[in-house]
Each structure stands twice: as structure tokens, then as C-alpha cells.
């Protein structure tokens, strides 16, 4: 895994996976997949409704990451 992706999906220590960040990435991938599938197969994908739901999840996830920031393990060498 590239360091860029790993840094984006792990906590402040760079090793422990952060569920909120992983879910954010999955929502982004799901949006692209659903939109492409709908375009190619003539489905009924409503990006506005998906965006509102995903935005709610992302907002809640962001709040969760912010609330638990003080409880994450410190980086190597920090106290």
C-alpha cells in the first residue's frame, strides 16, 4: 500500500486503521461505482439523495474523528 493511502486511512500513529476514514473512502468509491453503473445500464441512481446521505455520514464521521482525537495513541517519540 502506498504511504499516501496508508496515511489517509490510519490514525495519527500511522499504524492503526481508522474506521471513519476507511468508511469515507468506501463512500467515495461507492458513489463513483453507482454513478457509472447507472450510466452504463440505464439505472435510476439519484446522486443528490446519495450525496445528502453520504454527507450526513461524512459529517458524523468527521465529528467522531474530532471527538476522539485526544484518545488516539501518540506518534513514535512523542509523549
PDB file of N, CA and C in Angstrom:
ATOM      1  N   UNK A   1       0.853  -1.175   0.000  1.00  0.00           N
ATOM      2  CA  UNK A   1       0.000   0.000   0.000  1.00  0.00           C
ATOM      3  C   UNK A   1       0.895   1.234   0.000  1.00  0.00           C
ATOM      4  N   UNK A   2       0.502   2.213  -0.789  1.00  0.00           N
ATOM      5  CA  UNK A   2       1.315   3.423  -0.869  1.00  0.00           C
ATOM      6  C   UNK A   2       1.225   4.210   0.446  1.00  0.00           C
ATOM      7  N   UNK A   3       2.291   4.916   0.794  1.00  0.00           N
ATOM      8  CA  UNK A   3       2.267   5.701   2.038  1.00  0.00           C
ATOM      9  C   UNK A   3       1.161   6.745   2.053  1.00  0.00           C
ATOM     10  N   UNK A   4       0.835   7.314   0.879  1.00  0.00           N
ATOM     11  CA  UNK A   4      -0.220   8.325   0.805  1.00  0.00           C
ATOM     12  C   UNK A   4      -1.565   7.739   1.233  1.00  0.00           C
ATOM     13  N   UNK A   5      -1.893   6.571   0.709  1.00  0.00           N
ATOM     14  CA  UNK A   5      -3.174   5.933   1.049  1.00  0.00           C
ATOM     15  C   UNK A   5      -3.174   5.489   2.500  1.00  0.00           C
ATOM     16  N   UNK A   6      -2.066   4.873   2.937  1.00  0.00           N
ATOM     17  CA  UNK A   6      -1.996   4.412   4.324  1.00  0.00           C
ATOM     18  C   UNK A   6      -2.128   5.580   5.289  1.00  0.00           C
ATOM     19  N   UNK A   7      -1.478   6.688   5.002  1.00  0.00           N
ATOM     20  CA  UNK A   7      -1.570   7.868   5.867  1.00  0.00           C
ATOM     21  C   UNK A   7      -3.008   8.396   5.916  1.00  0.00           C
ATOM     22  N   UNK A   8      -3.706   8.316   4.803  1.00  0.00           N
ATOM     23  CA  UNK A   8      -5.081   8.812   4.757  1.00  0.00           C
ATOM     24  C   UNK A   8      -6.087   7.936   5.460  1.00  0.00           C
ATOM     25  N   UNK A   9      -5.753   6.658   5.657  1.00  0.00           N
ATOM     26  CA  UNK A   9      -6.715   5.722   6.234  1.00  0.00           C
ATOM     27  C   UNK A   9      -6.374   5.260   7.648  1.00  0.00           C
ATOM     28  N   UNK A  10      -5.263   5.747   8.197  1.00  0.00           N
ATOM     29  CA  UNK A  10      -4.872   5.342   9.546  1.00  0.00           C
ATOM     30  C   UNK A  10      -4.946   6.528  10.495  1.00  0.00           C
ATOM     31  N   UNK A  11      -4.849   6.210  11.773  1.00  0.00           N
ATOM     32  CA  UNK A  11      -4.888   7.246  12.800  1.00  0.00           C
ATOM     33  C   UNK A  11      -3.586   8.019  12.851  1.00  0.00           C
ATOM     34  N   UNK A  12      -3.432   8.822  13.884  1.00  0.00           N
ATOM     35  CA  UNK A  12      -2.276   9.707  13.996  1.00  0.00           C
ATOM     36  C   UNK A  12      -0.964   8.936  14.140  1.00  0.00           C
ATOM     37  N   UNK A  13      -1.027   7.711  14.657  1.00  0.00           N
ATOM     38  CA  UNK A  13       0.200   6.925  14.806  1.00  0.00           C
ATOM     39  C   UNK A  13       0.659   6.308  13.487  1.00  0.00           C
ATOM     40  N   UNK A  14      -0.182   6.347  12.473  1.00  0.00           N
ATOM     41  CA  UNK A  14       0.183   5.840  11.159  1.00  0.00           C
ATOM     42  C   UNK A  14       0.115   4.332  11.029  1.00  0.00           C
ATOM     43  N   UNK A  15      -0.334   3.640  12.055  1.00  0.00           N
ATOM     44  CA  UNK A  15      -0.401   2.175  12.019  1.00  0.00           C
ATOM     45  C   UNK A  15      -1.808   1.637  12.265  1.00  0.00           C
ATOM     46  N   UNK A  16      -2.551   2.237  13.168  1.00  0.00           N
ATOM     47  CA  UNK A  16      -3.889   1.730  13.495  1.00  0.00           C
ATOM     48  C   UNK A  16      -4.910   2.281  12.501  1.00  0.00           C
ATOM     49  N   UNK A  17      -5.710   1.386  11.933  1.00  0.00           N
ATOM     50  CA  UNK A  17      -6.727   1.768  10.947  1.00  0.00           C
ATOM     51  C   UNK A  17      -7.817   2.577  11.625  1.00  0.00           C
ATOM     52  N   UNK A  18      -8.295   3.585  10.960  1.00  0.00           N
ATOM     53  CA  UNK A  18      -9.368   4.439  11.472  1.00  0.00           C
ATOM     54  C   UNK A  18     -10.631   4.110  10.691  1.00  0.00           C
ATOM     55  N   UNK A  19     -11.602   3.538  11.372  1.00  0.00           N
ATOM     56  CA  UNK A  19     -12.832   3.100  10.719  1.00  0.00           C
ATOM     57  C   UNK A  19     -13.533   4.239   9.997  1.00  0.00           C
ATOM     58  N   UNK A  20     -13.571   5.417  10.592  1.00  0.00           N
ATOM     59  CA  UNK A  20     -14.228   6.560   9.956  1.00  0.00           C
ATOM     60  C   UNK A  20     -13.586   6.918   8.628  1.00  0.00           C
ATOM     61  N   UNK A  21     -12.270   6.914   8.577  1.00  0.00           N
ATOM     62  CA  UNK A  21     -11.571   7.265   7.342  1.00  0.00           C
ATOM     63  C   UNK A  21     -11.743   6.192   6.281  1.00  0.00           C
ATOM     64  N   UNK A  22     -11.745   4.933   6.700  1.00  0.00           N
ATOM     65  CA  UNK A  22     -11.954   3.838   5.747  1.00  0.00           C
ATOM     66  C   UNK A  22     -13.363   3.928   5.161  1.00  0.00           C
ATOM     67  N   UNK A  23     -14.339   4.207   6.004  1.00  0.00           N
ATOM     68  CA  UNK A  23     -15.716   4.341   5.517  1.00  0.00           C
ATOM     69  C   UNK A  23     -15.850   5.534   4.577  1.00  0.00           C
ATOM     70  N   UNK A  24     -15.170   6.627   4.842  1.00  0.00           N
ATOM     71  CA  UNK A  24     -15.199   7.776   3.940  1.00  0.00           C
ATOM     72  C   UNK A  24     -14.703   7.370   2.563  1.00  0.00           C
ATOM     73  N   UNK A  25     -13.608   6.622   2.529  1.00  0.00           N
ATOM     74  CA  UNK A  25     -13.050   6.177   1.245  1.00  0.00           C
ATOM     75  C   UNK A  25     -14.033   5.254   0.526  1.00  0.00           C
ATOM     76  N   UNK A  26     -14.663   4.363   1.264  1.00  0.00           N
ATOM     77  CA  UNK A  26     -15.625   3.451   0.648  1.00  0.00           C
ATOM     78  C   UNK A  26     -16.840   4.191   0.094  1.00  0.00           C
ATOM     79  N   UNK A  27     -17.295   5.224   0.783  1.00  0.00           N
ATOM     80  CA  UNK A  27     -18.419   6.020   0.283  1.00  0.00           C
ATOM     81  C   UNK A  27     -18.040   6.691  -1.033  1.00  0.00           C
ATOM     82  N   UNK A  28     -16.848   7.226  -1.108  1.00  0.00           N
ATOM     83  CA  UNK A  28     -16.401   7.862  -2.350  1.00  0.00           C
ATOM     84  C   UNK A  28     -16.327   6.877  -3.503  1.00  0.00           C
ATOM     85  N   UNK A  29     -15.789   5.693  -3.249  1.00  0.00           N
ATOM     86  CA  UNK A  29     -15.719   4.664  -4.286  1.00  0.00           C
ATOM     87  C   UNK A  29     -17.123   4.213  -4.673  1.00  0.00           C
ATOM     88  N   UNK A  30     -17.997   4.026  -3.689  1.00  0.00           N
ATOM     89  CA  UNK A  30     -19.368   3.597  -3.973  1.00  0.00           C
ATOM     90  C   UNK A  30     -20.093   4.615  -4.847  1.00  0.00           C
ATOM     91  N   UNK A  31     -19.897   5.898  -4.582  1.00  0.00           N
ATOM     92  CA  UNK A  31     -20.549   6.926  -5.388  1.00  0.00           C
ATOM     93  C   UNK A  31     -20.143   6.811  -6.851  1.00  0.00           C
ATOM     94  N   UNK A  32     -18.852   6.667  -7.092  1.00  0.00           N
ATOM     95  CA  UNK A  32     -18.365   6.557  -8.468  1.00  0.00           C
ATOM     96  C   UNK A  32     -18.892   5.285  -9.131  1.00  0.00           C
ATOM     97  N   UNK A  33     -18.873   4.177  -8.402  1.00  0.00           N
ATOM     98  CA  UNK A  33     -19.353   2.906  -8.961  1.00  0.00           C
ATOM     99  C   UNK A  33     -20.849   2.986  -9.269  1.00  0.00           C
ATOM    100  N   UNK A  34     -21.644   3.489  -8.348  1.00  0.00           N
ATOM    101  CA  UNK A  34     -23.089   3.590  -8.585  1.00  0.00           C
ATOM    102  C   UNK A  34     -23.411   4.505  -9.752  1.00  0.00           C
ATOM    103  N   UNK A  35     -22.714   5.623  -9.835  1.00  0.00           N
ATOM    104  CA  UNK A  35     -22.950   6.554 -10.933  1.00  0.00           C
ATOM    105  C   UNK A  35     -22.574   5.919 -12.270  1.00  0.00           C
ATOM    106  N   UNK A  36     -21.444   5.244 -12.326  1.00  0.00           N
ATOM    107  CA  UNK A  36     -21.014   4.587 -13.568  1.00  0.00           C
ATOM    108  C   UNK A  36     -21.965   3.469 -13.950  1.00  0.00           C
ATOM    109  N   UNK A  37     -22.373   2.672 -12.975  1.00  0.00           N
ATOM    110  CA  UNK A  37     -23.309   1.567 -13.248  1.00  0.00           C
ATOM    111  C   UNK A  37     -24.620   2.122 -13.802  1.00  0.00           C
ATOM    112  N   UNK A  38     -25.112   3.167 -13.201  1.00  0.00           N
ATOM    113  CA  UNK A  38     -26.355   3.785 -13.649  1.00  0.00           C
ATOM    114  C   UNK A  38     -26.211   4.326 -15.065  1.00  0.00           C
ATOM    115  N   UNK A  39     -25.085   4.942 -15.348  1.00  0.00           N
ATOM    116  CA  UNK A  39     -24.842   5.496 -16.672  1.00  0.00           C
ATOM    117  C   UNK A  39     -24.768   4.395 -17.730  1.00  0.00           C
ATOM    118  N   UNK A  40     -24.096   3.321 -17.409  1.00  0.00           N
ATOM    119  CA  UNK A  40     -23.897   2.240 -18.378  1.00  0.00           C
ATOM    120  C   UNK A  40     -25.119   1.347 -18.555  1.00  0.00           C
ATOM    121  N   UNK A  41     -25.915   1.188 -17.507  1.00  0.00           N
ATOM    122  CA  UNK A  41     -27.043   0.258 -17.548  1.00  0.00           C
ATOM    123  C   UNK A  41     -28.408   0.937 -17.478  1.00  0.00           C
ATOM    124  N   UNK A  42     -28.441   2.233 -17.503  1.00  0.00           N
ATOM    125  CA  UNK A  42     -29.716   2.947 -17.503  1.00  0.00           C
ATOM    126  C   UNK A  42     -30.484   2.838 -16.203  1.00  0.00           C
ATOM    127  N   UNK A  43     -29.791   2.696 -15.089  1.00  0.00           N
ATOM    128  CA  UNK A  43     -30.452   2.581 -13.793  1.00  0.00           C
ATOM    129  C   UNK A  43     -30.925   3.923 -13.278  1.00  0.00           C
ATOM    130  N   UNK A  44     -31.560   3.881 -12.133  1.00  0.00           N
ATOM    131  CA  UNK A  44     -32.096   5.097 -11.525  1.00  0.00           C
ATOM    132  C   UNK A  44     -31.268   5.451 -10.293  1.00  0.00           C
ATOM    133  N   UNK A  45     -30.122   6.055 -10.515  1.00  0.00           N
ATOM    134  CA  UNK A  45     -29.264   6.498  -9.422  1.00  0.00           C
ATOM    135  C   UNK A  45     -29.461   7.996  -9.241  1.00  0.00           C
ATOM    136  N   UNK A  46     -29.825   8.398  -8.051  1.00  0.00           N
ATOM    137  CA  UNK A  46     -30.044   9.811  -7.765  1.00  0.00           C
ATOM    138  C   UNK A  46     -28.846  10.350  -6.980  1.00  0.00           C
ATOM    139  N   UNK A  47     -27.929  11.032  -7.647  1.00  0.00           N
ATOM    140  CA  UNK A  47     -26.727  11.496  -6.953  1.00  0.00           C
ATOM    141  C   UNK A  47     -27.016  12.514  -5.853  1.00  0.00           C
ATOM    142  N   UNK A  48     -28.095  13.258  -5.980  1.00  0.00           N
ATOM    143  CA  UNK A  48     -28.400  14.245  -4.946  1.00  0.00           C
ATOM    144  C   UNK A  48     -28.784  13.549  -3.645  1.00  0.00           C
ATOM    145  N   UNK A  49     -29.656  12.573  -3.714  1.00  0.00           N
ATOM    146  CA  UNK A  49     -30.034  11.852  -2.495  1.00  0.00           C
ATOM    147  C   UNK A  49     -28.854  11.073  -1.915  1.00  0.00           C
ATOM    148  N   UNK A  50     -28.064  10.465  -2.788  1.00  0.00           N
ATOM    149  CA  UNK A  50     -26.876   9.769  -2.312  1.00  0.00           C
ATOM    150  C   UNK A  50     -25.939  10.760  -1.632  1.00  0.00           C
ATOM    151  N   UNK A  51     -25.769  11.931  -2.226  1.00  0.00           N
ATOM    152  CA  UNK A  51     -24.883  12.946  -1.665  1.00  0.00           C
ATOM    153  C   UNK A  51     -25.351  13.441  -0.310  1.00  0.00           C
ATOM    154  N   UNK A  52     -26.655  13.613  -0.151  1.00  0.00           N
ATOM    155  CA  UNK A  52     -27.181  14.065   1.150  1.00  0.00           C
ATOM    156  C   UNK A  52     -26.929  13.007   2.216  1.00  0.00           C
ATOM    157  N   UNK A  53     -27.198  11.755   1.898  1.00  0.00           N
ATOM    158  CA  UNK A  53     -26.957  10.673   2.856  1.00  0.00           C
ATOM    159  C   UNK A  53     -25.483  10.506   3.156  1.00  0.00           C
ATOM    160  N   UNK A  54     -24.666  10.520   2.116  1.00  0.00           N
ATOM    161  CA  UNK A  54     -23.230  10.372   2.310  1.00  0.00           C
ATOM    162  C   UNK A  54     -22.658  11.563   3.078  1.00  0.00           C
ATOM    163  N   UNK A  55     -23.156  12.761   2.788  1.00  0.00           N
ATOM    164  CA  UNK A  55     -22.702  13.945   3.511  1.00  0.00           C
ATOM    165  C   UNK A  55     -23.021  13.860   5.004  1.00  0.00           C
ATOM    166  N   UNK A  56     -24.175  13.303   5.317  1.00  0.00           N
ATOM    167  CA  UNK A  56     -24.529  13.113   6.726  1.00  0.00           C
ATOM    168  C   UNK A  56     -23.569  12.141   7.399  1.00  0.00           C
ATOM    169  N   UNK A  57     -23.256  11.059   6.695  1.00  0.00           N
ATOM    170  CA  UNK A  57     -22.318  10.078   7.239  1.00  0.00           C
ATOM    171  C   UNK A  57     -20.928  10.692   7.386  1.00  0.00           C
ATOM    172  N   UNK A  58     -20.498  11.419   6.362  1.00  0.00           N
ATOM    173  CA  UNK A  58     -19.177  12.039   6.424  1.00  0.00           C
ATOM    174  C   UNK A  58     -19.098  13.085   7.531  1.00  0.00           C
ATOM    175  N   UNK A  59     -20.151  13.865   7.700  1.00  0.00           N
ATOM    176  CA  UNK A  59     -20.175  14.863   8.766  1.00  0.00           C
ATOM    177  C   UNK A  59     -20.118  14.220  10.137  1.00  0.00           C
ATOM    178  N   UNK A  60     -20.892  13.177  10.308  1.00  0.00           N
ATOM    179  CA  UNK A  60     -20.850  12.449  11.579  1.00  0.00           C
ATOM    180  C   UNK A  60     -19.498  11.811  11.815  1.00  0.00           C
ATOM    181  N   UNK A  61     -18.907  11.274  10.745  1.00  0.00           N
ATOM    182  CA  UNK A  61     -17.580  10.672  10.865  1.00  0.00           C
ATOM    183  C   UNK A  61     -16.531  11.698  11.227  1.00  0.00           C
ATOM    184  N   UNK A  62     -16.617  12.867  10.595  1.00  0.00           N
ATOM    185  CA  UNK A  62     -15.681  13.942  10.922  1.00  0.00           C
ATOM    186  C   UNK A  62     -15.801  14.380  12.368  1.00  0.00           C
ATOM    187  N   UNK A  63     -17.028  14.478  12.833  1.00  0.00           N
ATOM    188  CA  UNK A  63     -17.236  14.838  14.236  1.00  0.00           C
ATOM    189  C   UNK A  63     -16.667  13.759  15.148  1.00  0.00           C
ATOM    190  N   UNK A  64     -16.862  12.495  14.772  1.00  0.00           N
ATOM    191  CA  UNK A  64     -16.329  11.399  15.571  1.00  0.00           C
ATOM    192  C   UNK A  64     -14.812  11.411  15.636  1.00  0.00           C
ATOM    193  N   UNK A  65     -14.175  11.674  14.507  1.00  0.00           N
ATOM    194  CA  UNK A  65     -12.710  11.757  14.490  1.00  0.00           C
ATOM    195  C   UNK A  65     -12.241  12.911  15.367  1.00  0.00           C
ATOM    196  N   UNK A  66     -12.930  14.028  15.290  1.00  0.00           N
ATOM    197  CA  UNK A  66     -12.552  15.174  16.109  1.00  0.00           C
ATOM    198  C   UNK A  66     -12.749  14.919  17.596  1.00  0.00           C
ATOM    199  N   UNK A  67     -13.832  14.241  17.955  1.00  0.00           N
ATOM    200  CA  UNK A  67     -14.111  13.974  19.366  1.00  0.00           C
ATOM    201  C   UNK A  67     -13.097  13.014  19.977  1.00  0.00           C
ATOM    202  N   UNK A  68     -12.613  12.067  19.185  1.00  0.00           N
ATOM    203  CA  UNK A  68     -11.722  11.058  19.743  1.00  0.00           C
ATOM    204  C   UNK A  68     -10.247  11.362  19.496  1.00  0.00           C
ATOM    205  N   UNK A  69      -9.931  12.520  18.965  1.00  0.00           N
ATOM    206  CA  UNK A  69      -8.543  12.863  18.638  1.00  0.00           C
ATOM    207  C   UNK A  69      -7.627  12.791  19.858  1.00  0.00           C
ATOM    208  N   UNK A  70      -8.125  13.161  21.012  1.00  0.00           N
ATOM    209  CA  UNK A  70      -7.284  13.143  22.212  1.00  0.00           C
ATOM    210  C   UNK A  70      -7.047  11.741  22.738  1.00  0.00           C
ATOM    211  N   UNK A  71      -7.837  10.763  22.333  1.00  0.00           N
ATOM    212  CA  UNK A  71      -7.689   9.408  22.846  1.00  0.00           C
ATOM    213  C   UNK A  71      -6.824   8.523  21.954  1.00  0.00           C
ATOM    214  N   UNK A  72      -6.363   9.036  20.821  1.00  0.00           N
ATOM    215  CA  UNK A  72      -5.526   8.238  19.928  1.00  0.00           C
ATOM    216  C   UNK A  72      -4.132   8.094  20.496  1.00  0.00           C
ATOM    217  N   UNK A  73      -3.475   6.960  20.182  1.00  0.00           N
ATOM    218  CA  UNK A  73      -2.120   6.793  20.680  1.00  0.00           C
ATOM    219  C   UNK A  73      -1.175   7.807  20.059  1.00  0.00           C
ATOM    220  N   UNK A  74      -0.148   8.236  20.783  1.00  0.00           N
ATOM    221  CA  UNK A  74       0.778   9.239  20.254  1.00  0.00           C
ATOM    222  C   UNK A  74       1.676   8.651  19.170  1.00  0.00           C
ATOM    223  N   UNK A  75       2.268   9.537  18.364  1.00  0.00           N
ATOM    224  CA  UNK A  75       3.232   9.111  17.360  1.00  0.00           C
ATOM    225  C   UNK A  75       4.489   8.600  18.069  1.00  0.00           C
ATOM    226  N   UNK A  76       5.298   7.845  17.318  1.00  0.00           N
ATOM    227  CA  UNK A  76       6.566   7.360  17.861  1.00  0.00           C
ATOM    228  C   UNK A  76       7.414   8.546  18.309  1.00  0.00           C
ATOM    229  N   UNK A  77       7.945   8.470  19.508  1.00  0.00           N
ATOM    230  CA  UNK A  77       8.829   9.509  20.014  1.00  0.00           C
ATOM    231  C   UNK A  77       8.113  10.645  20.727  1.00  0.00           C
ATOM    232  N   UNK A  78       6.785  10.708  20.641  1.00  0.00           N
ATOM    233  CA  UNK A  78       6.022  11.763  21.319  1.00  0.00           C
ATOM    234  C   UNK A  78       5.483  11.247  22.638  1.00  0.00           C
ATOM    235  N   UNK A  79       5.270  12.162  23.558  1.00  0.00           N
ATOM    236  CA  UNK A  79       4.697  11.780  24.858  1.00  0.00           C
ATOM    237  C   UNK A  79       3.374  12.445  25.038  1.00  0.00           C
TER     238      UNK A  79
END
